[in-house]
């Protein structure tokens, strides 16, 4: 390769190197600042293609989207001096690029650490003026609203970021307190269960006694009705027998004697000792029973 070609290649490489260090792109999802020897000269570079002076200017880019900082669970004390373990997170985005770069050197991890500290400080202040009931349920939404407004003001002034939202993921009692609370809750539930059980037994005894009483009444009424029906049936049978006897007394006596003979001579070894002129042989001697 000739010296001329080598020179052209070196010049082309130099031009390409200078161009690559002179042009830069800011995406729609990014925010950036232009530095001149470390000093901010353009605090808000618009998205698009831009030029800079190599070795003089430097560009720092930041994520312009909404970011999440997840704080570590911390112990806070309520108005009644009761401890709570609160786990929270916050949504934020870069609002003032110059202040963000100055306060955090453009490092997102450092910004998240500083913002996490301020979240914990704000939570500590908000929890300290409320009771457990208010923190857990009663004023939880109001607590989040107040904390977001307070934290957003501080974060914009100190870090150059806008706090979009702050939320509590979980609220727990400390382990040393949870066990005693669970034991007390268990004792209260057992007491309530015993009360319900005793009330149920009392109600069951009342229902059982009422059922037994009802059974006794039903049986007594049924026995009364059965005796009345039986008595009526016996009276009706007696009446029918009496009418039949009065219609033909001789025939009635004859059929009764035949039934008596049948019953008396039913067995093979039966022996009767009777006088020959006994009334028992009346119809055996005379089919008319001795009548005319």
Foldseek 3Di string as FASTA:
>chain_A
DDPVVVVVVVVVVVVVVQVVQFKDFAAPQKFKFKDFVNHTPRFTDDGGMGTDGPPGIDMAMAGQDKDKQWADWDWAAALVRAIKTWTKMFIKGAAGRVLQCVQQVRDPVSLSVVLNVLLVVLLNVLRHHHDPCCCVPVVVVVSFVVSQVVSQVVCCVRNRMGTPGMHIPDMGHPPVVVVVVVVVVVVVVVVVVVVVVVVVVVVVVVVVVVVVVVVVVVVVVVVVVVVVVVVVVVVVVVVVVVVVCVVPVQVVVLVVLVVVVCVQVVDPPHDDDDDPPDLSCQCVVPVSSPDD
